[in-house]
Amino acid sequence: MAATRLPPTFLSFKQFLQRQKILGIYRNMLRTIQKVPDEVDRKYLRDWARDEFKRNKDTTDEDAIRMMITQAIKHLEELQKSLALARS
C-alpha cells in the first residue's frame, strides 16, 4: 500500500482550514528563507523552520496551536522586514 500524506483520522472543517493556514505559513516561511543571501544563514533558517514545524506537528491543544500560529506569523514578518532592510 502506498504511503499517504493524509492524517490517519478525518479532520473537521475547522481543523482542515487550520491545517491549510499552517501549511501556507510554512510555505511562505520557506519562500522567504530562499531570499536570504548568505547560504549558511539560509540553511540554518531552513533547518530551524523545518525542525519547529516537525516538532509541533502532533500538537492537539487548540490554544497552543493558535499561539504557535501567531508566533510563526511574527517570525515570518520579522524575517521579511529584516530582508527588506538588508536590501535597502
N, C-alpha and C. Protein backbone atom coordinates (compact mmCIF):
# COMPACT_ATOMS: atom_id res chain seq x y z
N MET A 1 0.84 -1.19 0.00
CA MET A 1 0.00 0.00 0.00
C MET A 1 0.89 1.24 0.00
N ALA A 2 0.54 2.20 -0.81
CA ALA A 2 1.34 3.42 -0.95
C ALA A 2 1.18 4.31 0.29
N ALA A 3 2.26 4.98 0.64
CA ALA A 3 2.23 5.92 1.77
C ALA A 3 1.39 7.13 1.40
N THR A 4 0.68 7.64 2.35
CA THR A 4 -0.17 8.80 2.10
C THR A 4 0.25 9.95 3.01
N ARG A 5 0.02 11.16 2.56
CA ARG A 5 0.35 12.33 3.37
C ARG A 5 -0.86 12.79 4.18
N LEU A 6 -1.98 12.09 4.03
CA LEU A 6 -3.17 12.45 4.78
C LEU A 6 -3.07 11.98 6.22
N PRO A 7 -3.66 12.72 7.14
CA PRO A 7 -3.65 12.27 8.53
C PRO A 7 -4.46 10.98 8.68
N PRO A 8 -4.15 10.19 9.69
CA PRO A 8 -4.83 8.90 9.86
C PRO A 8 -6.32 9.03 10.20
N THR A 9 -6.75 10.18 10.72
CA THR A 9 -8.15 10.39 11.03
C THR A 9 -8.68 11.54 10.19
N PHE A 10 -9.98 11.58 10.07
CA PHE A 10 -10.59 12.66 9.31
C PHE A 10 -10.57 13.94 10.12
N LEU A 11 -10.39 15.04 9.42
CA LEU A 11 -10.34 16.34 10.08
C LEU A 11 -11.71 17.00 9.99
N SER A 12 -12.05 17.75 11.02
CA SER A 12 -13.26 18.57 10.93
C SER A 12 -12.94 19.71 9.95
N PHE A 13 -13.98 20.41 9.53
CA PHE A 13 -13.77 21.52 8.61
C PHE A 13 -12.87 22.58 9.23
N LYS A 14 -13.08 22.86 10.51
CA LYS A 14 -12.26 23.85 11.22
C LYS A 14 -10.80 23.41 11.26
N GLN A 15 -10.57 22.13 11.55
CA GLN A 15 -9.20 21.60 11.59
C GLN A 15 -8.57 21.64 10.21
N PHE A 16 -9.37 21.35 9.18
CA PHE A 16 -8.87 21.40 7.80
C PHE A 16 -8.40 22.80 7.45
N LEU A 17 -9.23 23.80 7.78
CA LEU A 17 -8.86 25.18 7.48
C LEU A 17 -7.62 25.61 8.25
N GLN A 18 -7.55 25.18 9.50
CA GLN A 18 -6.38 25.50 10.32
C GLN A 18 -5.12 24.86 9.74
N ARG A 19 -5.24 23.62 9.30
CA ARG A 19 -4.11 22.92 8.69
C ARG A 19 -3.63 23.64 7.42
N GLN A 20 -4.59 24.09 6.60
CA GLN A 20 -4.23 24.81 5.38
C GLN A 20 -3.52 26.12 5.71
N LYS A 21 -3.97 26.80 6.76
CA LYS A 21 -3.33 28.04 7.18
C LYS A 21 -1.89 27.78 7.62
N ILE A 22 -1.69 26.72 8.39
CA ILE A 22 -0.35 26.36 8.88
C ILE A 22 0.56 26.00 7.72
N LEU A 23 0.05 25.21 6.77
CA LEU A 23 0.86 24.85 5.61
C LEU A 23 1.22 26.08 4.79
N GLY A 24 0.29 27.03 4.69
CA GLY A 24 0.57 28.28 3.97
C GLY A 24 1.67 29.08 4.65
N ILE A 25 1.62 29.15 5.97
CA ILE A 25 2.66 29.86 6.72
C ILE A 25 4.00 29.17 6.50
N TYR A 26 4.01 27.84 6.54
CA TYR A 26 5.24 27.08 6.34
C TYR A 26 5.82 27.34 4.95
N ARG A 27 4.98 27.31 3.94
CA ARG A 27 5.44 27.57 2.57
C ARG A 27 5.98 28.99 2.43
N ASN A 28 5.26 29.95 3.00
CA ASN A 28 5.73 31.35 2.94
C ASN A 28 7.06 31.51 3.66
N MET A 29 7.21 30.82 4.78
CA MET A 29 8.45 30.86 5.54
C MET A 29 9.60 30.34 4.67
N LEU A 30 9.40 29.19 4.03
CA LEU A 30 10.46 28.62 3.20
C LEU A 30 10.77 29.50 1.99
N ARG A 31 9.73 30.10 1.40
CA ARG A 31 9.96 31.01 0.26
C ARG A 31 10.76 32.24 0.69
N THR A 32 10.42 32.76 1.84
CA THR A 32 11.13 33.93 2.35
C THR A 32 12.57 33.58 2.67
N ILE A 33 12.78 32.42 3.27
CA ILE A 33 14.13 31.98 3.61
C ILE A 33 14.99 31.83 2.35
N GLN A 34 14.39 31.46 1.23
CA GLN A 34 15.14 31.32 -0.02
C GLN A 34 15.75 32.66 -0.46
N LYS A 35 15.20 33.75 0.02
CA LYS A 35 15.69 35.08 -0.36
C LYS A 35 16.87 35.55 0.50
N VAL A 36 17.21 34.79 1.54
CA VAL A 36 18.35 35.14 2.39
C VAL A 36 19.63 34.99 1.57
N PRO A 37 20.44 36.03 1.47
CA PRO A 37 21.60 35.98 0.58
C PRO A 37 22.71 35.02 1.02
N ASP A 38 22.95 34.91 2.30
CA ASP A 38 24.05 34.07 2.78
C ASP A 38 23.60 32.61 2.86
N GLU A 39 24.35 31.73 2.20
CA GLU A 39 23.97 30.32 2.13
C GLU A 39 23.95 29.65 3.50
N VAL A 40 24.91 29.97 4.35
CA VAL A 40 24.96 29.37 5.69
C VAL A 40 23.74 29.79 6.52
N ASP A 41 23.42 31.08 6.47
CA ASP A 41 22.23 31.57 7.18
C ASP A 41 20.96 30.94 6.63
N ARG A 42 20.90 30.85 5.31
CA ARG A 42 19.73 30.26 4.66
C ARG A 42 19.52 28.82 5.11
N LYS A 43 20.60 28.04 5.16
CA LYS A 43 20.50 26.64 5.60
C LYS A 43 20.08 26.56 7.07
N TYR A 44 20.67 27.41 7.89
CA TYR A 44 20.32 27.43 9.32
C TYR A 44 18.83 27.73 9.51
N LEU A 45 18.35 28.77 8.82
CA LEU A 45 16.94 29.15 8.96
C LEU A 45 16.00 28.08 8.42
N ARG A 46 16.37 27.47 7.30
CA ARG A 46 15.54 26.40 6.71
C ARG A 46 15.46 25.21 7.67
N ASP A 47 16.59 24.81 8.23
CA ASP A 47 16.60 23.70 9.18
C ASP A 47 15.81 24.04 10.44
N TRP A 48 15.96 25.29 10.91
CA TRP A 48 15.22 25.72 12.09
C TRP A 48 13.71 25.66 11.84
N ALA A 49 13.27 26.19 10.70
CA ALA A 49 11.84 26.20 10.39
C ALA A 49 11.30 24.78 10.28
N ARG A 50 12.00 23.92 9.57
CA ARG A 50 11.56 22.53 9.42
C ARG A 50 11.48 21.84 10.77
N ASP A 51 12.49 22.03 11.60
CA ASP A 51 12.50 21.40 12.93
C ASP A 51 11.35 21.88 13.79
N GLU A 52 11.08 23.18 13.77
CA GLU A 52 9.99 23.74 14.58
C GLU A 52 8.63 23.19 14.14
N PHE A 53 8.40 23.16 12.83
CA PHE A 53 7.11 22.66 12.36
C PHE A 53 6.98 21.16 12.61
N LYS A 54 8.06 20.41 12.41
CA LYS A 54 8.01 18.96 12.69
C LYS A 54 7.79 18.69 14.17
N ARG A 55 8.46 19.45 15.02
CA ARG A 55 8.37 19.24 16.46
C ARG A 55 6.95 19.47 16.97
N ASN A 56 6.24 20.37 16.33
CA ASN A 56 4.90 20.73 16.80
C ASN A 56 3.77 20.12 15.99
N LYS A 57 4.07 19.25 15.05
CA LYS A 57 3.03 18.75 14.15
C LYS A 57 1.97 17.88 14.83
N ASP A 58 2.29 17.28 15.95
CA ASP A 58 1.32 16.41 16.63
C ASP A 58 0.57 17.11 17.76
N THR A 59 0.73 18.41 17.87
CA THR A 59 0.04 19.16 18.92
C THR A 59 -1.46 19.17 18.64
N THR A 60 -2.24 18.93 19.68
CA THR A 60 -3.70 18.89 19.52
C THR A 60 -4.42 19.97 20.31
N ASP A 61 -3.75 20.59 21.27
CA ASP A 61 -4.36 21.64 22.08
C ASP A 61 -4.60 22.88 21.21
N GLU A 62 -5.87 23.24 21.06
CA GLU A 62 -6.23 24.34 20.15
C GLU A 62 -5.63 25.68 20.57
N ASP A 63 -5.57 25.94 21.87
CA ASP A 63 -4.97 27.19 22.33
C ASP A 63 -3.47 27.24 22.00
N ALA A 64 -2.79 26.13 22.20
CA ALA A 64 -1.36 26.06 21.87
C ALA A 64 -1.15 26.23 20.38
N ILE A 65 -2.02 25.64 19.58
CA ILE A 65 -1.89 25.76 18.12
C ILE A 65 -2.08 27.21 17.70
N ARG A 66 -3.09 27.88 18.24
CA ARG A 66 -3.31 29.30 17.91
C ARG A 66 -2.09 30.14 18.30
N MET A 67 -1.53 29.85 19.47
CA MET A 67 -0.35 30.59 19.93
C MET A 67 0.84 30.35 18.98
N MET A 68 1.02 29.10 18.56
CA MET A 68 2.13 28.79 17.65
C MET A 68 1.93 29.43 16.28
N ILE A 69 0.68 29.50 15.81
CA ILE A 69 0.40 30.18 14.54
C ILE A 69 0.76 31.65 14.65
N THR A 70 0.37 32.28 15.76
CA THR A 70 0.70 33.69 15.97
C THR A 70 2.21 33.91 16.01
N GLN A 71 2.92 33.03 16.70
CA GLN A 71 4.39 33.14 16.77
C GLN A 71 5.02 32.95 15.40
N ALA A 72 4.53 31.98 14.64
CA ALA A 72 5.08 31.72 13.31
C ALA A 72 4.88 32.92 12.40
N ILE A 73 3.70 33.53 12.47
CA ILE A 73 3.44 34.72 11.66
C ILE A 73 4.38 35.86 12.06
N LYS A 74 4.59 36.04 13.35
CA LYS A 74 5.52 37.08 13.81
C LYS A 74 6.94 36.82 13.33
N HIS A 75 7.39 35.56 13.42
CA HIS A 75 8.73 35.21 12.93
C HIS A 75 8.85 35.50 11.43
N LEU A 76 7.81 35.14 10.68
CA LEU A 76 7.81 35.38 9.24
C LEU A 76 7.88 36.87 8.94
N GLU A 77 7.08 37.66 9.63
CA GLU A 77 7.09 39.11 9.42
C GLU A 77 8.44 39.72 9.78
N GLU A 78 9.04 39.25 10.86
CA GLU A 78 10.37 39.76 11.26
C GLU A 78 11.42 39.42 10.20
N LEU A 79 11.36 38.22 9.69
CA LEU A 79 12.31 37.81 8.65
C LEU A 79 12.12 38.65 7.39
N GLN A 80 10.87 38.87 7.01
CA GLN A 80 10.60 39.68 5.82
C GLN A 80 11.08 41.12 6.01
N LYS A 81 10.88 41.69 7.20
CA LYS A 81 11.34 43.04 7.49
C LYS A 81 12.87 43.11 7.45
N SER A 82 13.52 42.10 8.02
CA SER A 82 14.99 42.06 8.03
C SER A 82 15.54 42.00 6.61
N LEU A 83 14.92 41.19 5.77
CA LEU A 83 15.36 41.10 4.38
C LEU A 83 15.14 42.42 3.64
N ALA A 84 14.01 43.06 3.90
CA ALA A 84 13.73 44.35 3.25
C ALA A 84 14.76 45.40 3.68
N LEU A 85 15.13 45.40 4.95
CA LEU A 85 16.13 46.36 5.44
C LEU A 85 17.50 46.07 4.84
N ALA A 86 17.81 44.79 4.70
CA ALA A 86 19.12 44.42 4.15
C ALA A 86 19.26 44.83 2.70
N ARG A 87 18.16 44.89 1.99
CA ARG A 87 18.19 45.27 0.57
C ARG A 87 18.22 46.78 0.38
N SER A 88 17.84 47.51 1.43
CA SER A 88 17.76 48.98 1.32
C SER A 88 19.14 49.60 1.28
